[in-house]
């Protein structure tokens, strides 16, 4: 019996692509680089800061540590311009709460950025929040999910983990959790999702209700 549902953040819980792309294009403009369009940016929106830098910068010519900080500062300034949650997420959380299940976010995203969006949406009922700068090896390693399991006091097979990237499925499977691939998220056309070995594939958040009902 499942006792908890854990979510990746970008591309699974929150539709953050617009603000990430906006921040990236501001940085590109500062360095006289071509902007990226929405489809280009959406495809890498789950892949973190480095993915956006790699689109227009060569690491041999630029200091990526400095660029990454510029990008994150710019994103932080624009993070609440368009802070969307995926359609159906709030209803899914209400259902999880009514089922007396635990829920939380486990993401590689920095904590301050994640908390800003959660606070904006008044989502304070989560039972666990673990982020990429909390001191654990990030996904695809299972460390963050193992820590979430420890905090919640549950066994791995009692948890569901939902994510939109290969790293999420690899991490969930390594942790022994039930892995769910969110196909509504930021997948690339080249992704071979059938090779990822997810336990379940969903096309909208409400699809998860059939699993936990």
N, C-alpha and C. Protein backbone atom coordinates (compact mmCIF):
# COMPACT_ATOMS: atom_id res chain seq x y z
N UNK A 1 0.85 -1.20 0.00
CA UNK A 1 0.00 0.00 0.00
C UNK A 1 0.88 1.25 0.00
N UNK A 2 0.56 2.16 -0.88
CA UNK A 2 1.34 3.39 -0.97
C UNK A 2 0.90 4.38 0.12
N UNK A 3 1.90 4.97 0.76
CA UNK A 3 1.63 5.91 1.84
C UNK A 3 2.07 7.34 1.51
N UNK A 4 2.85 7.51 0.44
CA UNK A 4 3.37 8.85 0.11
C UNK A 4 3.54 9.01 -1.39
N UNK A 5 3.33 10.24 -1.84
CA UNK A 5 3.59 10.61 -3.23
C UNK A 5 4.60 11.74 -3.23
N UNK A 6 5.70 11.53 -3.91
CA UNK A 6 6.76 12.53 -4.01
C UNK A 6 6.88 12.99 -5.46
N UNK A 7 7.15 14.27 -5.63
CA UNK A 7 7.20 14.86 -6.97
C UNK A 7 8.54 15.53 -7.24
N UNK A 8 9.02 15.38 -8.46
CA UNK A 8 10.02 16.29 -8.99
C UNK A 8 9.33 17.65 -9.11
N UNK A 9 10.09 18.72 -9.32
CA UNK A 9 9.46 20.05 -9.35
C UNK A 9 9.29 20.58 -10.78
N UNK A 10 10.39 21.01 -11.40
CA UNK A 10 10.30 21.57 -12.76
C UNK A 10 9.85 20.51 -13.75
N UNK A 11 8.77 20.78 -14.46
CA UNK A 11 8.30 19.87 -15.49
C UNK A 11 7.41 18.76 -14.99
N UNK A 12 7.19 18.70 -13.69
CA UNK A 12 6.33 17.67 -13.11
C UNK A 12 5.26 18.31 -12.24
N UNK A 13 5.68 19.16 -11.34
CA UNK A 13 4.79 19.85 -10.41
C UNK A 13 4.51 21.27 -10.88
N UNK A 14 5.58 21.98 -11.20
CA UNK A 14 5.47 23.39 -11.63
C UNK A 14 5.90 23.55 -13.08
N UNK A 15 5.13 24.34 -13.81
CA UNK A 15 5.44 24.63 -15.22
C UNK A 15 6.29 25.90 -15.27
N UNK A 16 7.57 25.74 -15.00
CA UNK A 16 8.49 26.87 -14.82
C UNK A 16 9.21 27.28 -16.10
N UNK A 17 8.90 26.64 -17.21
CA UNK A 17 9.66 26.85 -18.44
C UNK A 17 9.68 28.32 -18.88
N UNK A 18 8.55 29.00 -18.79
CA UNK A 18 8.48 30.38 -19.27
C UNK A 18 9.50 31.28 -18.56
N UNK A 19 9.55 31.19 -17.25
CA UNK A 19 10.46 32.06 -16.50
C UNK A 19 11.92 31.65 -16.66
N UNK A 20 12.18 30.35 -16.79
CA UNK A 20 13.54 29.89 -17.04
C UNK A 20 14.04 30.37 -18.39
N UNK A 21 13.20 30.27 -19.40
CA UNK A 21 13.58 30.71 -20.75
C UNK A 21 13.77 32.22 -20.78
N UNK A 22 12.91 32.95 -20.09
CA UNK A 22 13.05 34.40 -20.02
C UNK A 22 14.38 34.80 -19.40
N UNK A 23 14.75 34.14 -18.30
CA UNK A 23 16.03 34.43 -17.64
C UNK A 23 17.20 34.09 -18.55
N UNK A 24 17.10 32.95 -19.23
CA UNK A 24 18.18 32.54 -20.14
C UNK A 24 18.36 33.55 -21.26
N UNK A 25 17.26 34.02 -21.82
CA UNK A 25 17.37 34.97 -22.94
C UNK A 25 17.91 36.32 -22.50
N UNK A 26 17.65 36.70 -21.27
CA UNK A 26 18.25 37.94 -20.74
C UNK A 26 19.77 37.79 -20.68
N UNK A 27 20.24 36.64 -20.20
CA UNK A 27 21.68 36.39 -20.13
C UNK A 27 22.28 36.32 -21.53
N UNK A 28 21.60 35.64 -22.44
CA UNK A 28 22.10 35.55 -23.82
C UNK A 28 22.25 36.94 -24.42
N UNK A 29 21.26 37.79 -24.17
CA UNK A 29 21.30 39.15 -24.72
C UNK A 29 22.49 39.94 -24.17
N UNK A 30 22.76 39.76 -22.89
CA UNK A 30 23.89 40.47 -22.26
C UNK A 30 25.22 40.10 -22.92
N UNK A 31 25.30 38.89 -23.43
CA UNK A 31 26.54 38.41 -24.05
C UNK A 31 26.43 38.33 -25.58
N UNK A 32 25.42 39.03 -26.12
CA UNK A 32 25.24 39.10 -27.58
C UNK A 32 25.06 37.72 -28.21
N UNK A 33 24.32 36.87 -27.54
CA UNK A 33 24.00 35.55 -28.06
C UNK A 33 22.56 35.53 -28.58
N UNK A 34 22.30 34.64 -29.52
CA UNK A 34 20.96 34.51 -30.06
C UNK A 34 20.01 33.96 -28.99
N UNK A 35 18.79 34.47 -28.93
CA UNK A 35 17.82 33.92 -27.98
C UNK A 35 17.37 32.52 -28.40
N UNK A 36 16.80 31.80 -27.47
CA UNK A 36 16.20 30.52 -27.82
C UNK A 36 14.69 30.69 -27.85
N UNK A 37 14.02 29.89 -28.66
CA UNK A 37 12.56 29.96 -28.70
C UNK A 37 11.97 29.06 -27.61
N UNK A 38 10.67 29.13 -27.47
CA UNK A 38 10.02 28.42 -26.36
C UNK A 38 10.22 26.91 -26.46
N UNK A 39 10.08 26.36 -27.65
CA UNK A 39 10.20 24.91 -27.81
C UNK A 39 11.60 24.43 -27.46
N UNK A 40 12.61 25.19 -27.88
CA UNK A 40 13.99 24.83 -27.54
C UNK A 40 14.20 24.85 -26.02
N UNK A 41 13.70 25.90 -25.40
CA UNK A 41 13.88 26.06 -23.96
C UNK A 41 13.09 25.06 -23.15
N UNK A 42 11.87 24.76 -23.59
CA UNK A 42 11.03 23.82 -22.85
C UNK A 42 11.67 22.43 -22.80
N UNK A 43 12.32 22.06 -23.88
CA UNK A 43 12.92 20.72 -23.96
C UNK A 43 14.04 20.51 -22.95
N UNK A 44 14.66 21.61 -22.49
CA UNK A 44 15.78 21.48 -21.54
C UNK A 44 15.45 22.06 -20.17
N UNK A 45 14.21 22.46 -19.97
CA UNK A 45 13.84 23.17 -18.74
C UNK A 45 13.99 22.32 -17.48
N UNK A 46 13.99 21.00 -17.63
CA UNK A 46 14.19 20.13 -16.47
C UNK A 46 15.65 19.81 -16.22
N UNK A 47 16.52 20.26 -17.10
CA UNK A 47 17.91 19.83 -17.06
C UNK A 47 18.83 20.77 -16.29
N UNK A 48 18.28 21.86 -15.75
CA UNK A 48 19.08 22.73 -14.90
C UNK A 48 19.83 23.83 -15.63
N UNK A 49 20.53 24.62 -14.84
CA UNK A 49 21.24 25.80 -15.34
C UNK A 49 22.24 25.47 -16.44
N UNK A 50 23.01 24.43 -16.23
CA UNK A 50 24.07 24.09 -17.19
C UNK A 50 23.51 23.82 -18.59
N UNK A 51 22.33 23.24 -18.66
CA UNK A 51 21.74 22.95 -19.96
C UNK A 51 21.48 24.24 -20.74
N UNK A 52 21.01 25.28 -20.04
CA UNK A 52 20.78 26.57 -20.70
C UNK A 52 22.10 27.22 -21.10
N UNK A 53 23.11 27.10 -20.27
CA UNK A 53 24.41 27.67 -20.62
C UNK A 53 25.00 26.96 -21.83
N UNK A 54 24.88 25.64 -21.87
CA UNK A 54 25.45 24.88 -22.98
C UNK A 54 24.80 25.20 -24.32
N UNK A 55 23.60 25.75 -24.28
CA UNK A 55 22.92 26.10 -25.53
C UNK A 55 23.65 27.20 -26.30
N UNK A 56 24.32 28.09 -25.58
CA UNK A 56 24.90 29.26 -26.26
C UNK A 56 26.36 29.56 -25.86
N UNK A 57 26.87 28.87 -24.85
CA UNK A 57 28.22 29.19 -24.38
C UNK A 57 29.14 27.98 -24.46
N UNK A 58 30.41 28.27 -24.72
CA UNK A 58 31.45 27.24 -24.74
C UNK A 58 32.21 27.32 -23.42
N UNK A 59 32.28 26.21 -22.72
CA UNK A 59 32.91 26.21 -21.40
C UNK A 59 34.40 26.54 -21.46
N UNK A 60 35.02 26.35 -22.61
CA UNK A 60 36.44 26.67 -22.75
C UNK A 60 36.67 28.17 -22.86
N UNK A 61 35.63 28.90 -23.23
CA UNK A 61 35.75 30.35 -23.42
C UNK A 61 35.14 31.16 -22.29
N UNK A 62 34.23 30.56 -21.53
CA UNK A 62 33.51 31.31 -20.50
C UNK A 62 33.63 30.60 -19.14
N UNK A 63 33.55 31.40 -18.10
CA UNK A 63 33.56 30.88 -16.74
C UNK A 63 32.13 30.45 -16.40
N UNK A 64 31.87 29.15 -16.45
CA UNK A 64 30.50 28.68 -16.24
C UNK A 64 30.02 28.91 -14.81
N UNK A 65 30.91 28.92 -13.84
CA UNK A 65 30.50 29.19 -12.46
C UNK A 65 29.92 30.59 -12.34
N UNK A 66 30.60 31.54 -12.96
CA UNK A 66 30.13 32.92 -12.95
C UNK A 66 28.84 33.08 -13.74
N UNK A 67 28.79 32.44 -14.91
CA UNK A 67 27.59 32.51 -15.73
C UNK A 67 26.39 31.88 -15.02
N UNK A 68 26.64 30.76 -14.36
CA UNK A 68 25.56 30.08 -13.64
C UNK A 68 24.98 30.98 -12.55
N UNK A 69 25.84 31.70 -11.86
CA UNK A 69 25.37 32.60 -10.81
C UNK A 69 24.57 33.75 -11.41
N UNK A 70 25.03 34.27 -12.54
CA UNK A 70 24.28 35.32 -13.24
C UNK A 70 22.90 34.82 -13.64
N UNK A 71 22.87 33.61 -14.18
CA UNK A 71 21.60 33.03 -14.62
C UNK A 71 20.65 32.86 -13.43
N UNK A 72 21.15 32.29 -12.34
CA UNK A 72 20.31 32.06 -11.18
C UNK A 72 19.82 33.36 -10.56
N UNK A 73 20.67 34.38 -10.54
CA UNK A 73 20.24 35.68 -10.02
C UNK A 73 19.14 36.28 -10.89
N UNK A 74 19.30 36.15 -12.20
CA UNK A 74 18.30 36.66 -13.13
C UNK A 74 16.99 35.89 -12.98
N UNK A 75 17.09 34.58 -12.88
CA UNK A 75 15.89 33.75 -12.70
C UNK A 75 15.20 34.09 -11.40
N UNK A 76 15.98 34.29 -10.34
CA UNK A 76 15.40 34.63 -9.03
C UNK A 76 14.60 35.93 -9.11
N UNK A 77 15.09 36.89 -9.89
CA UNK A 77 14.41 38.17 -10.03
C UNK A 77 13.12 38.05 -10.84
N UNK A 78 13.03 37.00 -11.66
CA UNK A 78 11.87 36.84 -12.55
C UNK A 78 11.03 35.62 -12.22
N UNK A 79 11.32 34.97 -11.10
CA UNK A 79 10.73 33.67 -10.82
C UNK A 79 9.22 33.71 -10.62
N UNK A 80 8.69 34.85 -10.23
CA UNK A 80 7.26 34.95 -10.00
C UNK A 80 6.53 35.72 -11.09
N UNK A 81 7.19 35.88 -12.24
CA UNK A 81 6.52 36.53 -13.37
C UNK A 81 5.40 35.66 -13.92
N UNK A 82 5.63 34.37 -13.96
CA UNK A 82 4.67 33.44 -14.56
C UNK A 82 4.76 32.09 -13.85
N UNK A 83 4.53 32.07 -12.54
CA UNK A 83 4.79 30.86 -11.74
C UNK A 83 3.62 29.87 -11.80
N UNK A 84 3.54 29.13 -12.87
CA UNK A 84 2.42 28.24 -13.08
C UNK A 84 2.63 26.86 -12.44
N UNK A 85 1.54 26.26 -12.01
CA UNK A 85 1.52 24.84 -11.68
C UNK A 85 0.82 24.13 -12.83
N UNK A 86 1.17 22.89 -13.07
CA UNK A 86 0.50 22.16 -14.13
C UNK A 86 -0.97 21.97 -13.78
N UNK A 87 -1.81 22.04 -14.79
CA UNK A 87 -3.25 21.86 -14.60
C UNK A 87 -3.53 20.51 -13.95
N UNK A 88 -4.27 20.55 -12.88
CA UNK A 88 -4.63 19.32 -12.18
C UNK A 88 -3.78 19.02 -10.96
N UNK A 89 -2.67 19.73 -10.79
CA UNK A 89 -1.79 19.47 -9.64
C UNK A 89 -2.49 19.79 -8.32
N UNK A 90 -3.15 20.93 -8.24
CA UNK A 90 -3.80 21.31 -6.98
C UNK A 90 -4.90 20.32 -6.61
N UNK A 91 -5.65 19.87 -7.62
CA UNK A 91 -6.70 18.89 -7.37
C UNK A 91 -6.10 17.55 -6.92
N UNK A 92 -4.96 17.19 -7.51
CA UNK A 92 -4.28 15.96 -7.11
C UNK A 92 -3.80 16.04 -5.66
N UNK A 93 -3.24 17.19 -5.28
CA UNK A 93 -2.78 17.36 -3.90
C UNK A 93 -3.96 17.29 -2.93
N UNK A 94 -5.09 17.89 -3.31
CA UNK A 94 -6.29 17.81 -2.46
C UNK A 94 -6.70 16.35 -2.26
N UNK A 95 -6.64 15.57 -3.34
CA UNK A 95 -7.02 14.16 -3.27
C UNK A 95 -6.06 13.39 -2.37
N UNK A 96 -4.76 13.66 -2.51
CA UNK A 96 -3.76 13.01 -1.67
C UNK A 96 -3.99 13.34 -0.20
N UNK A 97 -4.28 14.60 0.08
CA UNK A 97 -4.55 15.01 1.47
C UNK A 97 -5.79 14.32 2.03
N UNK A 98 -6.83 14.19 1.19
CA UNK A 98 -8.06 13.54 1.64
C UNK A 98 -7.83 12.05 1.91
N UNK A 99 -6.87 11.47 1.20
CA UNK A 99 -6.53 10.06 1.41
C UNK A 99 -5.61 9.87 2.62
N UNK A 100 -5.27 10.97 3.29
CA UNK A 100 -4.38 10.93 4.46
C UNK A 100 -2.99 10.38 4.10
N UNK A 101 -2.58 10.62 2.86
CA UNK A 101 -1.24 10.22 2.43
C UNK A 101 -0.29 11.39 2.62
N UNK A 102 0.98 11.08 2.74
CA UNK A 102 2.00 12.13 2.79
C UNK A 102 2.37 12.53 1.37
N UNK A 103 2.86 13.77 1.21
CA UNK A 103 3.35 14.17 -0.10
C UNK A 103 4.50 15.16 0.08
N UNK A 104 5.29 15.29 -0.97
CA UNK A 104 6.41 16.21 -0.89
C UNK A 104 7.09 16.42 -2.22
N UNK A 105 8.08 17.27 -2.20
CA UNK A 105 8.87 17.62 -3.38
C UNK A 105 10.31 17.16 -3.16
N UNK A 106 10.85 16.47 -4.15
CA UNK A 106 12.27 16.08 -4.13
C UNK A 106 12.85 16.50 -5.47
N UNK A 107 13.71 17.50 -5.45
CA UNK A 107 14.16 18.15 -6.68
C UNK A 107 15.65 18.49 -6.61
N UNK A 108 16.26 18.61 -7.76
CA UNK A 108 17.64 19.11 -7.83
C UNK A 108 17.69 20.63 -7.82
N UNK A 109 16.55 21.27 -7.88
CA UNK A 109 16.46 22.74 -7.91
C UNK A 109 16.89 23.31 -6.55
N UNK A 110 17.55 24.48 -6.53
CA UNK A 110 17.92 25.09 -5.26
C UNK A 110 16.71 25.35 -4.37
N UNK A 111 16.89 25.24 -3.08
CA UNK A 111 15.79 25.35 -2.12
C UNK A 111 15.12 26.73 -2.17
N UNK A 112 15.90 27.79 -2.22
CA UNK A 112 15.30 29.13 -2.16
C UNK A 112 14.36 29.36 -3.34
N UNK A 113 14.71 28.85 -4.51
CA UNK A 113 13.87 29.03 -5.69
C UNK A 113 12.61 28.18 -5.59
N UNK A 114 12.76 26.97 -5.12
CA UNK A 114 11.61 26.08 -4.96
C UNK A 114 10.63 26.65 -3.94
N UNK A 115 11.15 27.10 -2.82
CA UNK A 115 10.30 27.63 -1.76
C UNK A 115 9.55 28.89 -2.21
N UNK A 116 10.18 29.70 -3.05
CA UNK A 116 9.52 30.93 -3.54
C UNK A 116 8.23 30.60 -4.27
N UNK A 117 8.29 29.59 -5.13
CA UNK A 117 7.11 29.22 -5.91
C UNK A 117 6.07 28.53 -5.03
N UNK A 118 6.49 27.65 -4.15
CA UNK A 118 5.55 26.99 -3.25
C UNK A 118 4.84 28.01 -2.36
N UNK A 119 5.59 28.97 -1.85
CA UNK A 119 5.00 30.01 -1.00
C UNK A 119 4.01 30.85 -1.79
N UNK A 120 4.35 31.17 -3.04
CA UNK A 120 3.45 31.96 -3.88
C UNK A 120 2.10 31.27 -4.04
N UNK A 121 2.12 29.96 -4.16
CA UNK A 121 0.88 29.19 -4.36
C UNK A 121 0.28 28.70 -3.04
N UNK A 122 0.86 29.17 -1.91
CA UNK A 122 0.34 28.81 -0.58
C UNK A 122 0.28 27.30 -0.38
N UNK A 123 1.28 26.62 -0.90
CA UNK A 123 1.37 25.17 -0.74
C UNK A 123 2.27 24.85 0.44
N UNK A 124 1.68 24.83 1.62
CA UNK A 124 2.46 24.63 2.84
C UNK A 124 2.09 23.34 3.57
N UNK A 125 1.32 22.49 2.90
CA UNK A 125 0.89 21.26 3.57
C UNK A 125 1.80 20.08 3.27
N UNK A 126 2.87 20.32 2.52
CA UNK A 126 3.75 19.20 2.17
C UNK A 126 4.50 18.68 3.40
N UNK A 127 4.79 17.39 3.36
CA UNK A 127 5.41 16.73 4.50
C UNK A 127 6.92 16.66 4.40
N UNK A 128 7.45 16.84 3.21
CA UNK A 128 8.90 16.82 3.03
C UNK A 128 9.28 17.64 1.81
N UNK A 129 10.35 18.39 1.93
CA UNK A 129 10.92 19.15 0.82
C UNK A 129 12.43 18.95 0.85
N UNK A 130 12.95 18.34 -0.20
CA UNK A 130 14.39 18.14 -0.32
C UNK A 130 14.85 18.71 -1.65
N UNK A 131 15.95 19.48 -1.60
CA UNK A 131 16.40 20.21 -2.78
C UNK A 131 17.86 19.92 -3.10
N UNK A 132 18.26 20.38 -4.27
CA UNK A 132 19.58 20.05 -4.78
C UNK A 132 20.74 20.60 -3.98
N UNK A 133 20.50 21.63 -3.18
CA UNK A 133 21.58 22.21 -2.38
C UNK A 133 21.46 21.85 -0.90
N UNK A 134 20.78 20.73 -0.62
CA UNK A 134 20.62 20.29 0.77
C UNK A 134 21.75 19.39 1.26
N UNK A 135 22.75 19.17 0.41
CA UNK A 135 23.91 18.42 0.86
C UNK A 135 23.94 16.96 0.46
N UNK A 136 22.99 16.54 -0.37
CA UNK A 136 22.95 15.15 -0.83
C UNK A 136 23.36 15.08 -2.30
N UNK A 137 23.86 13.93 -2.71
CA UNK A 137 24.17 13.74 -4.12
C UNK A 137 22.88 13.86 -4.92
N UNK A 138 22.84 14.72 -5.94
CA UNK A 138 21.60 14.95 -6.67
C UNK A 138 21.18 13.75 -7.52
N UNK A 139 19.93 13.77 -7.95
CA UNK A 139 19.46 12.75 -8.90
C UNK A 139 20.33 12.82 -10.16
N UNK A 140 20.64 11.68 -10.77
CA UNK A 140 19.95 10.39 -10.68
C UNK A 140 20.36 9.49 -9.52
N UNK A 141 21.27 9.93 -8.66
CA UNK A 141 21.56 9.14 -7.46
C UNK A 141 20.30 9.06 -6.60
N UNK A 142 20.12 8.00 -5.83
CA UNK A 142 18.90 7.84 -5.03
C UNK A 142 18.95 8.54 -3.67
N UNK A 143 20.03 9.27 -3.39
CA UNK A 143 20.25 9.80 -2.04
C UNK A 143 19.12 10.69 -1.54
N UNK A 144 18.65 11.61 -2.38
CA UNK A 144 17.57 12.51 -1.97
C UNK A 144 16.30 11.74 -1.65
N UNK A 145 15.97 10.76 -2.48
CA UNK A 145 14.77 9.97 -2.24
C UNK A 145 14.93 9.08 -1.00
N UNK A 146 16.11 8.57 -0.79
CA UNK A 146 16.36 7.79 0.43
C UNK A 146 16.17 8.64 1.68
N UNK A 147 16.61 9.90 1.61
CA UNK A 147 16.44 10.80 2.74
C UNK A 147 14.96 11.14 2.95
N UNK A 148 14.23 11.32 1.86
CA UNK A 148 12.79 11.59 1.97
C UNK A 148 12.08 10.42 2.65
N UNK A 149 12.44 9.21 2.26
CA UNK A 149 11.88 8.01 2.88
C UNK A 149 12.18 7.98 4.37
N UNK A 150 13.40 8.33 4.73
CA UNK A 150 13.79 8.33 6.14
C UNK A 150 12.98 9.35 6.93
N UNK A 151 12.84 10.56 6.38
CA UNK A 151 12.09 11.62 7.06
C UNK A 151 10.63 11.21 7.27
N UNK A 152 10.04 10.58 6.26
CA UNK A 152 8.63 10.20 6.34
C UNK A 152 8.41 8.94 7.17
N UNK A 153 9.47 8.20 7.43
CA UNK A 153 9.35 6.99 8.22
C UNK A 153 8.62 5.87 7.50
N UNK A 154 8.87 5.75 6.20
CA UNK A 154 8.20 4.73 5.40
C UNK A 154 9.23 3.85 4.70
N UNK A 155 8.76 2.73 4.16
CA UNK A 155 9.59 1.86 3.35
C UNK A 155 9.57 2.36 1.91
N UNK A 156 10.61 2.00 1.17
CA UNK A 156 10.71 2.46 -0.22
C UNK A 156 9.51 2.04 -1.05
N UNK A 157 9.02 0.81 -0.86
CA UNK A 157 7.90 0.34 -1.68
C UNK A 157 6.56 0.95 -1.28
N UNK A 158 6.58 1.82 -0.28
CA UNK A 158 5.36 2.53 0.12
C UNK A 158 5.31 3.93 -0.49
N UNK A 159 6.29 4.27 -1.31
CA UNK A 159 6.37 5.61 -1.89
C UNK A 159 6.27 5.58 -3.41
N UNK A 160 5.63 6.59 -3.94
CA UNK A 160 5.54 6.83 -5.39
C UNK A 160 6.39 8.06 -5.69
N UNK A 161 7.19 7.99 -6.74
CA UNK A 161 7.93 9.18 -7.16
C UNK A 161 7.57 9.51 -8.60
N UNK A 162 7.16 10.76 -8.82
CA UNK A 162 6.72 11.22 -10.13
C UNK A 162 7.72 12.22 -10.68
N UNK A 163 8.20 11.98 -11.90
CA UNK A 163 9.14 12.90 -12.52
C UNK A 163 9.03 12.86 -14.03
N UNK A 164 9.58 13.87 -14.68
CA UNK A 164 9.46 13.96 -16.14
C UNK A 164 10.77 13.68 -16.87
N UNK A 165 11.81 13.28 -16.15
CA UNK A 165 13.10 13.06 -16.78
C UNK A 165 13.67 11.68 -16.48
N UNK A 166 14.61 11.27 -17.30
CA UNK A 166 15.26 9.98 -17.08
C UNK A 166 15.89 9.90 -15.71
N UNK A 167 16.52 11.01 -15.27
CA UNK A 167 17.18 11.01 -13.96
C UNK A 167 16.18 10.71 -12.84
N UNK A 168 14.94 11.15 -13.01
CA UNK A 168 13.92 10.91 -11.99
C UNK A 168 13.57 9.42 -11.90
N UNK A 169 13.40 8.80 -13.05
CA UNK A 169 13.03 7.39 -13.08
C UNK A 169 14.18 6.53 -12.58
N UNK A 170 15.39 6.85 -13.01
CA UNK A 170 16.57 6.12 -12.55
C UNK A 170 16.71 6.23 -11.04
N UNK A 171 16.51 7.43 -10.52
CA UNK A 171 16.62 7.66 -9.08
C UNK A 171 15.56 6.89 -8.30
N UNK A 172 14.32 6.95 -8.78
CA UNK A 172 13.22 6.25 -8.10
C UNK A 172 13.44 4.75 -8.11
N UNK A 173 13.84 4.21 -9.25
CA UNK A 173 14.07 2.77 -9.35
C UNK A 173 15.22 2.33 -8.45
N UNK A 174 16.27 3.16 -8.39
CA UNK A 174 17.41 2.83 -7.54
C UNK A 174 17.04 2.86 -6.06
N UNK A 175 16.10 3.74 -5.72
CA UNK A 175 15.66 3.86 -4.33
C UNK A 175 14.62 2.80 -3.96
N UNK A 176 14.13 2.08 -4.96
CA UNK A 176 13.13 1.05 -4.71
C UNK A 176 11.72 1.57 -4.63
N UNK A 177 11.49 2.79 -5.13
CA UNK A 177 10.16 3.38 -5.12
C UNK A 177 9.41 3.06 -6.41
N UNK A 178 8.10 3.28 -6.40
CA UNK A 178 7.27 3.10 -7.59
C UNK A 178 7.47 4.33 -8.47
N UNK A 179 8.03 4.13 -9.64
CA UNK A 179 8.40 5.26 -10.51
C UNK A 179 7.30 5.58 -11.51
N UNK A 180 6.98 6.86 -11.62
CA UNK A 180 5.94 7.33 -12.54
C UNK A 180 6.52 8.42 -13.43
N UNK A 181 6.43 8.22 -14.73
CA UNK A 181 6.93 9.20 -15.70
C UNK A 181 5.82 10.14 -16.11
N UNK A 182 6.04 11.44 -15.90
CA UNK A 182 5.07 12.47 -16.27
C UNK A 182 5.32 12.92 -17.70
N UNK A 183 4.58 12.35 -18.64
CA UNK A 183 4.80 12.66 -20.05
C UNK A 183 4.29 14.04 -20.45
N UNK A 184 3.58 14.71 -19.55
CA UNK A 184 3.14 16.07 -19.83
C UNK A 184 4.25 17.08 -19.58
N UNK A 185 5.37 16.61 -19.06
CA UNK A 185 6.47 17.50 -18.69
C UNK A 185 7.40 17.83 -19.83
N UNK A 186 8.65 18.09 -19.48
CA UNK A 186 9.60 18.63 -20.45
C UNK A 186 10.43 17.54 -21.13
N UNK A 187 9.75 16.68 -21.85
CA UNK A 187 10.44 15.62 -22.58
C UNK A 187 10.98 16.15 -23.90
N UNK A 188 12.05 15.53 -24.36
CA UNK A 188 12.62 15.85 -25.67
C UNK A 188 12.08 14.87 -26.71
N UNK A 189 12.03 15.29 -27.95
CA UNK A 189 11.55 14.40 -29.01
C UNK A 189 12.46 13.20 -29.19
N UNK A 190 13.70 13.32 -28.75
CA UNK A 190 14.66 12.22 -28.89
C UNK A 190 14.67 11.26 -27.70
N UNK A 191 13.91 11.57 -26.66
CA UNK A 191 13.90 10.72 -25.48
C UNK A 191 13.31 9.35 -25.79
N UNK A 192 14.01 8.32 -25.40
CA UNK A 192 13.54 6.94 -25.58
C UNK A 192 12.93 6.46 -24.26
N UNK A 193 11.73 6.95 -23.99
CA UNK A 193 11.14 6.72 -22.66
C UNK A 193 10.85 5.25 -22.38
N UNK A 194 10.68 4.46 -23.43
CA UNK A 194 10.41 3.04 -23.20
C UNK A 194 11.62 2.32 -22.60
N UNK A 195 12.79 2.94 -22.72
CA UNK A 195 14.01 2.34 -22.16
C UNK A 195 14.24 2.72 -20.70
N UNK A 196 13.43 3.64 -20.18
CA UNK A 196 13.67 4.15 -18.84
C UNK A 196 13.14 3.25 -17.74
N UNK A 197 12.25 2.34 -18.09
CA UNK A 197 11.71 1.35 -17.15
C UNK A 197 10.90 1.98 -16.03
N UNK A 198 10.07 2.96 -16.38
CA UNK A 198 9.14 3.52 -15.41
C UNK A 198 8.04 2.49 -15.12
N UNK A 199 7.57 2.46 -13.88
CA UNK A 199 6.49 1.55 -13.53
C UNK A 199 5.15 1.99 -14.12
N UNK A 200 5.02 3.30 -14.36
CA UNK A 200 3.76 3.83 -14.89
C UNK A 200 4.06 5.10 -15.66
N UNK A 201 3.28 5.36 -16.70
CA UNK A 201 3.39 6.60 -17.47
C UNK A 201 2.06 7.33 -17.38
N UNK A 202 2.11 8.61 -17.06
CA UNK A 202 0.89 9.42 -17.01
C UNK A 202 1.00 10.58 -17.99
N UNK A 203 -0.15 11.02 -18.48
CA UNK A 203 -0.19 12.10 -19.46
C UNK A 203 -0.78 13.39 -18.89
N UNK A 204 -1.28 13.31 -17.68
CA UNK A 204 -1.77 14.48 -16.95
C UNK A 204 -1.78 14.11 -15.46
N UNK A 205 -1.65 15.10 -14.58
CA UNK A 205 -1.57 14.78 -13.15
C UNK A 205 -2.73 13.93 -12.64
N UNK A 206 -3.93 14.16 -13.15
CA UNK A 206 -5.09 13.42 -12.65
C UNK A 206 -5.00 11.92 -12.93
N UNK A 207 -4.16 11.52 -13.88
CA UNK A 207 -3.99 10.09 -14.16
C UNK A 207 -3.47 9.33 -12.95
N UNK A 208 -2.80 10.04 -12.06
CA UNK A 208 -2.22 9.39 -10.88
C UNK A 208 -3.28 8.95 -9.88
N UNK A 209 -4.45 9.56 -9.97
CA UNK A 209 -5.52 9.24 -9.02
C UNK A 209 -5.91 7.77 -9.10
N UNK A 210 -5.86 7.20 -10.31
CA UNK A 210 -6.23 5.79 -10.46
C UNK A 210 -5.28 4.87 -9.68
N UNK A 211 -4.06 5.32 -9.48
CA UNK A 211 -3.07 4.52 -8.76
C UNK A 211 -3.27 4.57 -7.26
N UNK A 212 -3.69 5.72 -6.77
CA UNK A 212 -3.77 5.90 -5.31
C UNK A 212 -5.19 5.88 -4.77
N UNK A 213 -6.18 5.75 -5.65
CA UNK A 213 -7.58 5.75 -5.20
C UNK A 213 -7.87 4.55 -4.31
